[in-house]
Amino acid sequence: MNQAFLQMFVYDNIDEVKISSPTSLYTQESHAGHLLRIERTSLGEPNPDNLEIDVVGKDGTIRHLQVFRKEVFWDGKQQPQLLYTDITALKQAEKKKQILEEKAQVASR
C-alpha cells in the first residue's frame, strides 16, 4: 500500500486499512468477486490479469478501479503484485454520455 492507495480508499494510514474488514473495502458485488478469486487461487486456478472493481472509501464514496495483476518473485516465492488505477471519472463520463445519447434518441422521435 502506498499514499495513492490510501487516497483512493480515503484512509489516513495503513493501520486504518489493516483493521478494516475486506467487506468494508468493496461493494457487495466486488467483494463476491474477491472471494471467488481467493477460492480460484486456493484451487490453483488462474485469475484474470486485468479487471475492474468497485471499492468503498472510508467516507462511503464508491470508486471504480481498474486492477492490473502480475505474478512476481518476492521473498522467495511467487506472489501477486497489484496495480490500481482510479477510473471513477471515466465511468462517470461514460454514464453521462449514455444518458445524453438516450435523451437525444427520445427527442429525435
PDB file of N, CA and C in Angstrom:
ATOM      1  N   MET A   1       0.838  -1.173   0.000  1.00  0.00           N
ATOM      2  CA  MET A   1       0.000   0.000   0.000  1.00  0.00           C
ATOM      3  C   MET A   1       0.889   1.243   0.000  1.00  0.00           C
ATOM      4  N   ASN A   2       0.442   2.229  -0.735  1.00  0.00           N
ATOM      5  CA  ASN A   2       1.156   3.493  -0.752  1.00  0.00           C
ATOM      6  C   ASN A   2       0.155   4.634  -0.560  1.00  0.00           C
ATOM      7  N   GLN A   3       0.641   5.862  -0.636  1.00  0.00           N
ATOM      8  CA  GLN A   3      -0.223   7.021  -0.393  1.00  0.00           C
ATOM      9  C   GLN A   3      -1.365   7.100  -1.403  1.00  0.00           C
ATOM     10  N   ALA A   4      -1.111   6.761  -2.656  1.00  0.00           N
ATOM     11  CA  ALA A   4      -2.167   6.792  -3.673  1.00  0.00           C
ATOM     12  C   ALA A   4      -3.279   5.805  -3.325  1.00  0.00           C
ATOM     13  N   PHE A   5      -2.910   4.618  -2.845  1.00  0.00           N
ATOM     14  CA  PHE A   5      -3.898   3.626  -2.431  1.00  0.00           C
ATOM     15  C   PHE A   5      -4.741   4.183  -1.290  1.00  0.00           C
ATOM     16  N   LEU A   6      -4.082   4.770  -0.305  1.00  0.00           N
ATOM     17  CA  LEU A   6      -4.811   5.341   0.837  1.00  0.00           C
ATOM     18  C   LEU A   6      -5.771   6.434   0.380  1.00  0.00           C
ATOM     19  N   GLN A   7      -5.353   7.251  -0.577  1.00  0.00           N
ATOM     20  CA  GLN A   7      -6.227   8.312  -1.081  1.00  0.00           C
ATOM     21  C   GLN A   7      -7.437   7.740  -1.807  1.00  0.00           C
ATOM     22  N   MET A   8      -7.254   6.675  -2.576  1.00  0.00           N
ATOM     23  CA  MET A   8      -8.376   6.061  -3.289  1.00  0.00           C
ATOM     24  C   MET A   8      -9.439   5.566  -2.318  1.00  0.00           C
ATOM     25  N   PHE A   9      -8.989   5.035  -1.190  1.00  0.00           N
ATOM     26  CA  PHE A   9      -9.906   4.478  -0.198  1.00  0.00           C
ATOM     27  C   PHE A   9     -10.260   5.479   0.908  1.00  0.00           C
ATOM     28  N   VAL A  10      -9.708   6.690   0.819  1.00  0.00           N
ATOM     29  CA  VAL A  10      -9.956   7.779   1.770  1.00  0.00           C
ATOM     30  C   VAL A  10      -9.548   7.379   3.198  1.00  0.00           C
ATOM     31  N   TYR A  11      -8.398   6.718   3.313  1.00  0.00           N
ATOM     32  CA  TYR A  11      -7.848   6.370   4.615  1.00  0.00           C
ATOM     33  C   TYR A  11      -6.641   7.252   4.894  1.00  0.00           C
ATOM     34  N   ASP A  12      -6.376   7.473   6.172  1.00  0.00           N
ATOM     35  CA  ASP A  12      -5.253   8.315   6.563  1.00  0.00           C
ATOM     36  C   ASP A  12      -3.944   7.544   6.666  1.00  0.00           C
ATOM     37  N   ASN A  13      -4.033   6.261   7.028  1.00  0.00           N
ATOM     38  CA  ASN A  13      -2.804   5.478   7.189  1.00  0.00           C
ATOM     39  C   ASN A  13      -3.097   3.986   6.980  1.00  0.00           C
ATOM     40  N   ILE A  14      -2.027   3.223   6.857  1.00  0.00           N
ATOM     41  CA  ILE A  14      -2.141   1.789   6.579  1.00  0.00           C
ATOM     42  C   ILE A  14      -2.836   1.052   7.712  1.00  0.00           C
ATOM     43  N   ASP A  15      -2.615   1.484   8.946  1.00  0.00           N
ATOM     44  CA  ASP A  15      -3.233   0.811  10.088  1.00  0.00           C
ATOM     45  C   ASP A  15      -4.755   0.845  10.003  1.00  0.00           C
ATOM     46  N   GLU A  16      -5.322   1.939   9.494  1.00  0.00           N
ATOM     47  CA  GLU A  16      -6.779   2.017   9.323  1.00  0.00           C
ATOM     48  C   GLU A  16      -7.261   0.956   8.345  1.00  0.00           C
ATOM     49  N   VAL A  17      -6.495   0.740   7.281  1.00  0.00           N
ATOM     50  CA  VAL A  17      -6.873  -0.263   6.280  1.00  0.00           C
ATOM     51  C   VAL A  17      -6.772  -1.660   6.883  1.00  0.00           C
ATOM     52  N   LYS A  18      -5.717  -1.911   7.640  1.00  0.00           N
ATOM     53  CA  LYS A  18      -5.497  -3.239   8.220  1.00  0.00           C
ATOM     54  C   LYS A  18      -6.608  -3.648   9.184  1.00  0.00           C
ATOM     55  N   ILE A  19      -7.179  -2.696   9.911  1.00  0.00           N
ATOM     56  CA  ILE A  19      -8.233  -3.052  10.862  1.00  0.00           C
ATOM     57  C   ILE A  19      -9.615  -3.068  10.214  1.00  0.00           C
ATOM     58  N   SER A  20      -9.690  -2.654   8.952  1.00  0.00           N
ATOM     59  CA  SER A  20     -10.965  -2.697   8.230  1.00  0.00           C
ATOM     60  C   SER A  20     -11.218  -4.107   7.728  1.00  0.00           C
ATOM     61  N   SER A  21     -12.468  -4.507   7.732  1.00  0.00           N
ATOM     62  CA  SER A  21     -12.796  -5.820   7.175  1.00  0.00           C
ATOM     63  C   SER A  21     -12.793  -5.725   5.653  1.00  0.00           C
ATOM     64  N   PRO A  22     -12.437  -6.818   4.969  1.00  0.00           N
ATOM     65  CA  PRO A  22     -12.455  -6.791   3.500  1.00  0.00           C
ATOM     66  C   PRO A  22     -13.818  -6.397   2.933  1.00  0.00           C
ATOM     67  N   THR A  23     -14.885  -6.758   3.627  1.00  0.00           N
ATOM     68  CA  THR A  23     -16.206  -6.411   3.117  1.00  0.00           C
ATOM     69  C   THR A  23     -16.434  -4.907   3.131  1.00  0.00           C
ATOM     70  N   SER A  24     -15.749  -4.180   4.006  1.00  0.00           N
ATOM     71  CA  SER A  24     -15.936  -2.733   4.045  1.00  0.00           C
ATOM     72  C   SER A  24     -15.155  -2.027   2.945  1.00  0.00           C
ATOM     73  N   LEU A  25     -14.197  -2.709   2.325  1.00  0.00           N
ATOM     74  CA  LEU A  25     -13.392  -2.105   1.268  1.00  0.00           C
ATOM     75  C   LEU A  25     -14.012  -2.247  -0.112  1.00  0.00           C
ATOM     76  N   TYR A  26     -14.902  -3.199  -0.264  1.00  0.00           N
ATOM     77  CA  TYR A  26     -15.509  -3.481  -1.567  1.00  0.00           C
ATOM     78  C   TYR A  26     -17.015  -3.252  -1.532  1.00  0.00           C
ATOM     79  N   THR A  27     -17.583  -2.988  -2.708  1.00  0.00           N
ATOM     80  CA  THR A  27     -19.034  -3.076  -2.807  1.00  0.00           C
ATOM     81  C   THR A  27     -19.387  -4.552  -2.671  1.00  0.00           C
ATOM     82  N   GLN A  28     -20.644  -4.856  -2.448  1.00  0.00           N
ATOM     83  CA  GLN A  28     -21.056  -6.247  -2.251  1.00  0.00           C
ATOM     84  C   GLN A  28     -20.682  -7.106  -3.455  1.00  0.00           C
ATOM     85  N   GLU A  29     -20.914  -6.594  -4.649  1.00  0.00           N
ATOM     86  CA  GLU A  29     -20.616  -7.350  -5.868  1.00  0.00           C
ATOM     87  C   GLU A  29     -19.106  -7.575  -6.030  1.00  0.00           C
ATOM     88  N   SER A  30     -18.324  -6.536  -5.781  1.00  0.00           N
ATOM     89  CA  SER A  30     -16.874  -6.677  -5.914  1.00  0.00           C
ATOM     90  C   SER A  30     -16.304  -7.588  -4.830  1.00  0.00           C
ATOM     91  N   HIS A  31     -16.894  -7.587  -3.650  1.00  0.00           N
ATOM     92  CA  HIS A  31     -16.427  -8.487  -2.593  1.00  0.00           C
ATOM     93  C   HIS A  31     -16.691  -9.939  -2.984  1.00  0.00           C
ATOM     94  N   ALA A  32     -17.834 -10.202  -3.593  1.00  0.00           N
ATOM     95  CA  ALA A  32     -18.131 -11.567  -4.057  1.00  0.00           C
ATOM     96  C   ALA A  32     -17.078 -12.006  -5.078  1.00  0.00           C
ATOM     97  N   GLY A  33     -16.686 -11.107  -5.984  1.00  0.00           N
ATOM     98  CA  GLY A  33     -15.637 -11.421  -6.945  1.00  0.00           C
ATOM     99  C   GLY A  33     -14.297 -11.663  -6.271  1.00  0.00           C
ATOM    100  N   HIS A  34     -14.009 -10.892  -5.235  1.00  0.00           N
ATOM    101  CA  HIS A  34     -12.777 -11.050  -4.458  1.00  0.00           C
ATOM    102  C   HIS A  34     -12.729 -12.446  -3.833  1.00  0.00           C
ATOM    103  N   LEU A  35     -13.840 -12.869  -3.222  1.00  0.00           N
ATOM    104  CA  LEU A  35     -13.895 -14.195  -2.608  1.00  0.00           C
ATOM    105  C   LEU A  35     -13.734 -15.290  -3.657  1.00  0.00           C
ATOM    106  N   LEU A  36     -14.322 -15.097  -4.821  1.00  0.00           N
ATOM    107  CA  LEU A  36     -14.188 -16.069  -5.905  1.00  0.00           C
ATOM    108  C   LEU A  36     -12.728 -16.175  -6.357  1.00  0.00           C
ATOM    109  N   ARG A  37     -12.053 -15.028  -6.461  1.00  0.00           N
ATOM    110  CA  ARG A  37     -10.639 -15.065  -6.861  1.00  0.00           C
ATOM    111  C   ARG A  37      -9.780 -15.763  -5.807  1.00  0.00           C
ATOM    112  N   ILE A  38     -10.087 -15.567  -4.532  1.00  0.00           N
ATOM    113  CA  ILE A  38      -9.352 -16.271  -3.469  1.00  0.00           C
ATOM    114  C   ILE A  38      -9.559 -17.769  -3.596  1.00  0.00           C
ATOM    115  N   GLU A  39     -10.800 -18.172  -3.848  1.00  0.00           N
ATOM    116  CA  GLU A  39     -11.101 -19.600  -3.997  1.00  0.00           C
ATOM    117  C   GLU A  39     -10.364 -20.186  -5.194  1.00  0.00           C
ATOM    118  N   ARG A  40     -10.371 -19.470  -6.317  1.00  0.00           N
ATOM    119  CA  ARG A  40      -9.683 -19.948  -7.512  1.00  0.00           C
ATOM    120  C   ARG A  40      -8.193 -20.117  -7.245  1.00  0.00           C
ATOM    121  N   THR A  41      -7.618 -19.156  -6.509  1.00  0.00           N
ATOM    122  CA  THR A  41      -6.193 -19.231  -6.173  1.00  0.00           C
ATOM    123  C   THR A  41      -5.912 -20.455  -5.316  1.00  0.00           C
ATOM    124  N   SER A  42      -6.774 -20.716  -4.346  1.00  0.00           N
ATOM    125  CA  SER A  42      -6.565 -21.870  -3.462  1.00  0.00           C
ATOM    126  C   SER A  42      -6.667 -23.191  -4.218  1.00  0.00           C
ATOM    127  N   LEU A  43      -7.411 -23.195  -5.317  1.00  0.00           N
ATOM    128  CA  LEU A  43      -7.544 -24.400  -6.141  1.00  0.00           C
ATOM    129  C   LEU A  43      -6.468 -24.480  -7.227  1.00  0.00           C
ATOM    130  N   GLY A  44      -5.588 -23.475  -7.258  1.00  0.00           N
ATOM    131  CA  GLY A  44      -4.527 -23.461  -8.255  1.00  0.00           C
ATOM    132  C   GLY A  44      -4.993 -23.005  -9.620  1.00  0.00           C
ATOM    133  N   GLU A  45      -6.161 -22.412  -9.697  1.00  0.00           N
ATOM    134  CA  GLU A  45      -6.699 -21.924 -10.963  1.00  0.00           C
ATOM    135  C   GLU A  45      -6.241 -20.491 -11.208  1.00  0.00           C
ATOM    136  N   PRO A  46      -6.090 -20.118 -12.472  1.00  0.00           N
ATOM    137  CA  PRO A  46      -5.640 -18.748 -12.766  1.00  0.00           C
ATOM    138  C   PRO A  46      -6.754 -17.723 -12.541  1.00  0.00           C
ATOM    139  N   ASN A  47      -6.347 -16.522 -12.258  1.00  0.00           N
ATOM    140  CA  ASN A  47      -7.255 -15.392 -12.138  1.00  0.00           C
ATOM    141  C   ASN A  47      -6.966 -14.406 -13.259  1.00  0.00           C
ATOM    142  N   PRO A  48      -7.919 -13.536 -13.567  1.00  0.00           N
ATOM    143  CA  PRO A  48      -7.662 -12.567 -14.633  1.00  0.00           C
ATOM    144  C   PRO A  48      -6.526 -11.616 -14.246  1.00  0.00           C
ATOM    145  N   ASP A  49      -5.793 -11.173 -15.256  1.00  0.00           N
ATOM    146  CA  ASP A  49      -4.699 -10.233 -15.026  1.00  0.00           C
ATOM    147  C   ASP A  49      -5.175  -8.785 -15.038  1.00  0.00           C
ATOM    148  N   ASN A  50      -6.392  -8.566 -15.532  1.00  0.00           N
ATOM    149  CA  ASN A  50      -6.919  -7.219 -15.657  1.00  0.00           C
ATOM    150  C   ASN A  50      -8.411  -7.273 -15.328  1.00  0.00           C
ATOM    151  N   LEU A  51      -8.836  -6.503 -14.359  1.00  0.00           N
ATOM    152  CA  LEU A  51     -10.246  -6.498 -14.001  1.00  0.00           C
ATOM    153  C   LEU A  51     -10.637  -5.143 -13.433  1.00  0.00           C
ATOM    154  N   GLU A  52     -11.928  -4.922 -13.318  1.00  0.00           N
ATOM    155  CA  GLU A  52     -12.453  -3.706 -12.712  1.00  0.00           C
ATOM    156  C   GLU A  52     -13.192  -4.079 -11.440  1.00  0.00           C
ATOM    157  N   ILE A  53     -12.990  -3.255 -10.401  1.00  0.00           N
ATOM    158  CA  ILE A  53     -13.682  -3.467  -9.136  1.00  0.00           C
ATOM    159  C   ILE A  53     -14.243  -2.140  -8.650  1.00  0.00           C
ATOM    160  N   ASP A  54     -15.209  -2.225  -7.777  1.00  0.00           N
ATOM    161  CA  ASP A  54     -15.762  -1.043  -7.129  1.00  0.00           C
ATOM    162  C   ASP A  54     -15.432  -1.142  -5.650  1.00  0.00           C
ATOM    163  N   VAL A  55     -14.871  -0.074  -5.114  1.00  0.00           N
ATOM    164  CA  VAL A  55     -14.478  -0.057  -3.712  1.00  0.00           C
ATOM    165  C   VAL A  55     -15.226   1.061  -2.985  1.00  0.00           C
ATOM    166  N   VAL A  56     -15.308   0.905  -1.674  1.00  0.00           N
ATOM    167  CA  VAL A  56     -15.999   1.886  -0.842  1.00  0.00           C
ATOM    168  C   VAL A  56     -14.960   2.568   0.038  1.00  0.00           C
ATOM    169  N   GLY A  57     -14.866   3.883  -0.102  1.00  0.00           N
ATOM    170  CA  GLY A  57     -13.936   4.636   0.729  1.00  0.00           C
ATOM    171  C   GLY A  57     -14.436   4.712   2.154  1.00  0.00           C
ATOM    172  N   LYS A  58     -13.557   5.088   3.053  1.00  0.00           N
ATOM    173  CA  LYS A  58     -13.916   5.214   4.462  1.00  0.00           C
ATOM    174  C   LYS A  58     -15.100   6.170   4.637  1.00  0.00           C
ATOM    175  N   ASP A  59     -15.200   7.155   3.734  1.00  0.00           N
ATOM    176  CA  ASP A  59     -16.290   8.132   3.814  1.00  0.00           C
ATOM    177  C   ASP A  59     -17.563   7.664   3.099  1.00  0.00           C
ATOM    178  N   GLY A  60     -17.553   6.424   2.578  1.00  0.00           N
ATOM    179  CA  GLY A  60     -18.731   5.871   1.922  1.00  0.00           C
ATOM    180  C   GLY A  60     -18.797   6.098   0.425  1.00  0.00           C
ATOM    181  N   THR A  61     -17.877   6.867  -0.148  1.00  0.00           N
ATOM    182  CA  THR A  61     -17.886   7.095  -1.585  1.00  0.00           C
ATOM    183  C   THR A  61     -17.463   5.824  -2.315  1.00  0.00           C
ATOM    184  N   ILE A  62     -18.069   5.609  -3.470  1.00  0.00           N
ATOM    185  CA  ILE A  62     -17.723   4.442  -4.291  1.00  0.00           C
ATOM    186  C   ILE A  62     -16.771   4.896  -5.393  1.00  0.00           C
ATOM    187  N   ARG A  63     -15.651   4.199  -5.493  1.00  0.00           N
ATOM    188  CA  ARG A  63     -14.648   4.466  -6.514  1.00  0.00           C
ATOM    189  C   ARG A  63     -14.578   3.251  -7.433  1.00  0.00           C
ATOM    190  N   HIS A  64     -14.359   3.512  -8.706  1.00  0.00           N
ATOM    191  CA  HIS A  64     -14.206   2.449  -9.701  1.00  0.00           C
ATOM    192  C   HIS A  64     -12.715   2.334 -10.012  1.00  0.00           C
ATOM    193  N   LEU A  65     -12.184   1.140  -9.850  1.00  0.00           N
ATOM    194  CA  LEU A  65     -10.764   0.916 -10.056  1.00  0.00           C
ATOM    195  C   LEU A  65     -10.519  -0.146 -11.112  1.00  0.00           C
ATOM    196  N   GLN A  66      -9.488   0.070 -11.900  1.00  0.00           N
ATOM    197  CA  GLN A  66      -9.004  -0.949 -12.811  1.00  0.00           C
ATOM    198  C   GLN A  66      -7.794  -1.566 -12.120  1.00  0.00           C
ATOM    199  N   VAL A  67      -7.750  -2.882 -12.084  1.00  0.00           N
ATOM    200  CA  VAL A  67      -6.684  -3.589 -11.380  1.00  0.00           C
ATOM    201  C   VAL A  67      -5.879  -4.409 -12.389  1.00  0.00           C
ATOM    202  N   PHE A  68      -4.574  -4.192 -12.369  1.00  0.00           N
ATOM    203  CA  PHE A  68      -3.661  -4.990 -13.174  1.00  0.00           C
ATOM    204  C   PHE A  68      -2.912  -5.893 -12.210  1.00  0.00           C
ATOM    205  N   ARG A  69      -2.902  -7.180 -12.514  1.00  0.00           N
ATOM    206  CA  ARG A  69      -2.293  -8.172 -11.630  1.00  0.00           C
ATOM    207  C   ARG A  69      -1.165  -8.867 -12.366  1.00  0.00           C
ATOM    208  N   LYS A  70      -0.032  -9.004 -11.674  1.00  0.00           N
ATOM    209  CA  LYS A  70       1.104  -9.695 -12.266  1.00  0.00           C
ATOM    210  C   LYS A  70       1.789 -10.494 -11.168  1.00  0.00           C
ATOM    211  N   GLU A  71       2.175 -11.715 -11.497  1.00  0.00           N
ATOM    212  CA  GLU A  71       2.914 -12.546 -10.551  1.00  0.00           C
ATOM    213  C   GLU A  71       4.370 -12.100 -10.552  1.00  0.00           C
ATOM    214  N   VAL A  72       4.910 -11.896  -9.361  1.00  0.00           N
ATOM    215  CA  VAL A  72       6.315 -11.518  -9.212  1.00  0.00           C
ATOM    216  C   VAL A  72       6.961 -12.446  -8.188  1.00  0.00           C
ATOM    217  N   PHE A  73       8.270 -12.584  -8.282  1.00  0.00           N
ATOM    218  CA  PHE A  73       9.014 -13.383  -7.314  1.00  0.00           C
ATOM    219  C   PHE A  73       9.405 -12.459  -6.174  1.00  0.00           C
ATOM    220  N   TRP A  74       8.901 -12.732  -4.945  1.00  0.00           N
ATOM    221  CA  TRP A  74       9.122 -11.853  -3.799  1.00  0.00           C
ATOM    222  C   TRP A  74       9.279 -12.700  -2.538  1.00  0.00           C
ATOM    223  N   ASP A  75      10.256 -12.422  -1.751  1.00  0.00           N
ATOM    224  CA  ASP A  75      10.506 -13.168  -0.515  1.00  0.00           C
ATOM    225  C   ASP A  75      10.593 -14.679  -0.758  1.00  0.00           C
ATOM    226  N   GLY A  76      11.209 -15.048  -1.868  1.00  0.00           N
ATOM    227  CA  GLY A  76      11.440 -16.455  -2.145  1.00  0.00           C
ATOM    228  C   GLY A  76      10.270 -17.216  -2.727  1.00  0.00           C
ATOM    229  N   LYS A  77       9.192 -16.507  -3.089  1.00  0.00           N
ATOM    230  CA  LYS A  77       8.044 -17.211  -3.694  1.00  0.00           C
ATOM    231  C   LYS A  77       7.291 -16.299  -4.651  1.00  0.00           C
ATOM    232  N   GLN A  78       6.487 -16.936  -5.495  1.00  0.00           N
ATOM    233  CA  GLN A  78       5.644 -16.195  -6.420  1.00  0.00           C
ATOM    234  C   GLN A  78       4.492 -15.544  -5.646  1.00  0.00           C
ATOM    235  N   GLN A  79       4.288 -14.246  -5.869  1.00  0.00           N
ATOM    236  CA  GLN A  79       3.203 -13.532  -5.214  1.00  0.00           C
ATOM    237  C   GLN A  79       2.597 -12.550  -6.206  1.00  0.00           C
ATOM    238  N   PRO A  80       1.318 -12.209  -6.004  1.00  0.00           N
ATOM    239  CA  PRO A  80       0.710 -11.245  -6.930  1.00  0.00           C
ATOM    240  C   PRO A  80       1.107  -9.807  -6.586  1.00  0.00           C
ATOM    241  N   GLN A  81       1.389  -9.051  -7.618  1.00  0.00           N
ATOM    242  CA  GLN A  81       1.583  -7.615  -7.472  1.00  0.00           C
ATOM    243  C   GLN A  81       0.379  -6.956  -8.134  1.00  0.00           C
ATOM    244  N   LEU A  82      -0.268  -6.052  -7.430  1.00  0.00           N
ATOM    245  CA  LEU A  82      -1.475  -5.413  -7.935  1.00  0.00           C
ATOM    246  C   LEU A  82      -1.231  -3.930  -8.139  1.00  0.00           C
ATOM    247  N   LEU A  83      -1.630  -3.436  -9.302  1.00  0.00           N
ATOM    248  CA  LEU A  83      -1.557  -2.008  -9.604  1.00  0.00           C
ATOM    249  C   LEU A  83      -2.977  -1.510  -9.824  1.00  0.00           C
ATOM    250  N   TYR A  84      -3.350  -0.471  -9.100  1.00  0.00           N
ATOM    251  CA  TYR A  84      -4.702   0.077  -9.168  1.00  0.00           C
ATOM    252  C   TYR A  84      -4.698   1.406  -9.915  1.00  0.00           C
ATOM    253  N   THR A  85      -5.679   1.591 -10.788  1.00  0.00           N
ATOM    254  CA  THR A  85      -5.886   2.861 -11.463  1.00  0.00           C
ATOM    255  C   THR A  85      -7.317   3.297 -11.184  1.00  0.00           C
ATOM    256  N   ASP A  86      -7.476   4.508 -10.682  1.00  0.00           N
ATOM    257  CA  ASP A  86      -8.799   5.034 -10.380  1.00  0.00           C
ATOM    258  C   ASP A  86      -9.443   5.495 -11.690  1.00  0.00           C
ATOM    259  N   ILE A  87     -10.515   4.810 -12.090  1.00  0.00           N
ATOM    260  CA  ILE A  87     -11.214   5.145 -13.341  1.00  0.00           C
ATOM    261  C   ILE A  87     -12.608   5.697 -13.057  1.00  0.00           C
ATOM    262  N   THR A  88     -12.795   6.236 -11.854  1.00  0.00           N
ATOM    263  CA  THR A  88     -14.105   6.758 -11.459  1.00  0.00           C
ATOM    264  C   THR A  88     -14.578   7.846 -12.410  1.00  0.00           C
ATOM    265  N   ALA A  89     -13.726   8.816 -12.724  1.00  0.00           N
ATOM    266  CA  ALA A  89     -14.119   9.917 -13.606  1.00  0.00           C
ATOM    267  C   ALA A  89     -14.495   9.397 -14.987  1.00  0.00           C
ATOM    268  N   LEU A  90     -13.764   8.412 -15.488  1.00  0.00           N
ATOM    269  CA  LEU A  90     -14.073   7.818 -16.789  1.00  0.00           C
ATOM    270  C   LEU A  90     -15.434   7.142 -16.764  1.00  0.00           C
ATOM    271  N   LYS A  91     -15.715   6.369 -15.723  1.00  0.00           N
ATOM    272  CA  LYS A  91     -17.005   5.690 -15.608  1.00  0.00           C
ATOM    273  C   LYS A  91     -18.156   6.700 -15.519  1.00  0.00           C
ATOM    274  N   GLN A  92     -17.945   7.780 -14.769  1.00  0.00           N
ATOM    275  CA  GLN A  92     -18.984   8.811 -14.646  1.00  0.00           C
ATOM    276  C   GLN A  92     -19.221   9.490 -15.988  1.00  0.00           C
ATOM    277  N   ALA A  93     -18.157   9.754 -16.739  1.00  0.00           N
ATOM    278  CA  ALA A  93     -18.297  10.376 -18.061  1.00  0.00           C
ATOM    279  C   ALA A  93     -19.025   9.445 -19.023  1.00  0.00           C
ATOM    280  N   GLU A  94     -18.718   8.154 -18.967  1.00  0.00           N
ATOM    281  CA  GLU A  94     -19.405   7.177 -19.826  1.00  0.00           C
ATOM    282  C   GLU A  94     -20.893   7.133 -19.510  1.00  0.00           C
ATOM    283  N   LYS A  95     -21.229   7.166 -18.225  1.00  0.00           N
ATOM    284  CA  LYS A  95     -22.632   7.127 -17.828  1.00  0.00           C
ATOM    285  C   LYS A  95     -23.357   8.394 -18.280  1.00  0.00           C
ATOM    286  N   LYS A  96     -22.706   9.533 -18.135  1.00  0.00           N
ATOM    287  CA  LYS A  96     -23.305  10.802 -18.558  1.00  0.00           C
ATOM    288  C   LYS A  96     -23.527  10.807 -20.072  1.00  0.00           C
ATOM    289  N   LYS A  97     -22.549  10.291 -20.820  1.00  0.00           N
ATOM    290  CA  LYS A  97     -22.673  10.207 -22.272  1.00  0.00           C
ATOM    291  C   LYS A  97     -23.855   9.318 -22.658  1.00  0.00           C
ATOM    292  N   GLN A  98     -23.998   8.185 -21.984  1.00  0.00           N
ATOM    293  CA  GLN A  98     -25.094   7.267 -22.271  1.00  0.00           C
ATOM    294  C   GLN A  98     -26.442   7.942 -22.010  1.00  0.00           C
ATOM    295  N   ILE A  99     -26.553   8.664 -20.914  1.00  0.00           N
ATOM    296  CA  ILE A  99     -27.803   9.366 -20.589  1.00  0.00           C
ATOM    297  C   ILE A  99     -28.117  10.412 -21.648  1.00  0.00           C
ATOM    298  N   LEU A 100     -27.106  11.169 -22.078  1.00  0.00           N
ATOM    299  CA  LEU A 100     -27.314  12.187 -23.109  1.00  0.00           C
ATOM    300  C   LEU A 100     -27.729  11.557 -24.439  1.00  0.00           C
ATOM    301  N   GLU A 101     -27.120  10.419 -24.783  1.00  0.00           N
ATOM    302  CA  GLU A 101     -27.482   9.729 -26.022  1.00  0.00           C
ATOM    303  C   GLU A 101     -28.922   9.225 -25.961  1.00  0.00           C
ATOM    304  N   GLU A 102     -29.333   8.707 -24.810  1.00  0.00           N
ATOM    305  CA  GLU A 102     -30.709   8.246 -24.650  1.00  0.00           C
ATOM    306  C   GLU A 102     -31.691   9.410 -24.761  1.00  0.00           C
ATOM    307  N   LYS A 103     -31.364  10.535 -24.171  1.00  0.00           N
ATOM    308  CA  LYS A 103     -32.214  11.730 -24.276  1.00  0.00           C
ATOM    309  C   LYS A 103     -32.307  12.219 -25.713  1.00  0.00           C
ATOM    310  N   ALA A 104     -31.189  12.156 -26.435  1.00  0.00           N
ATOM    311  CA  ALA A 104     -31.179  12.582 -27.825  1.00  0.00           C
ATOM    312  C   ALA A 104     -32.051  11.667 -28.682  1.00  0.00           C
ATOM    313  N   GLN A 105     -32.025  10.369 -28.410  1.00  0.00           N
ATOM    314  CA  GLN A 105     -32.861   9.427 -29.148  1.00  0.00           C
ATOM    315  C   GLN A 105     -34.339   9.688 -28.894  1.00  0.00           C
ATOM    316  N   VAL A 106     -34.678   9.951 -27.646  1.00  0.00           N
ATOM    317  CA  VAL A 106     -36.070  10.241 -27.296  1.00  0.00           C
ATOM    318  C   VAL A 106     -36.511  11.533 -27.969  1.00  0.00           C
ATOM    319  N   ALA A 107     -35.667  12.540 -27.961  1.00  0.00           N
ATOM    320  CA  ALA A 107     -36.006  13.849 -28.544  1.00  0.00           C
ATOM    321  C   ALA A 107     -36.154  13.763 -30.059  1.00  0.00           C
ATOM    322  N   SER A 108     -35.415  12.856 -30.713  1.00  0.00           N
ATOM    323  CA  SER A 108     -35.480  12.761 -32.176  1.00  0.00           C
ATOM    324  C   SER A 108     -36.704  11.989 -32.660  1.00  0.00           C
ATOM    325  N   ARG A 109     -37.432  11.376 -31.748  1.00  0.00           N
ATOM    326  CA  ARG A 109     -38.618  10.585 -32.146  1.00  0.00           C
ATOM    327  C   ARG A 109     -39.756  11.476 -32.372  1.00  0.00           C
TER     328      ARG A 109
END
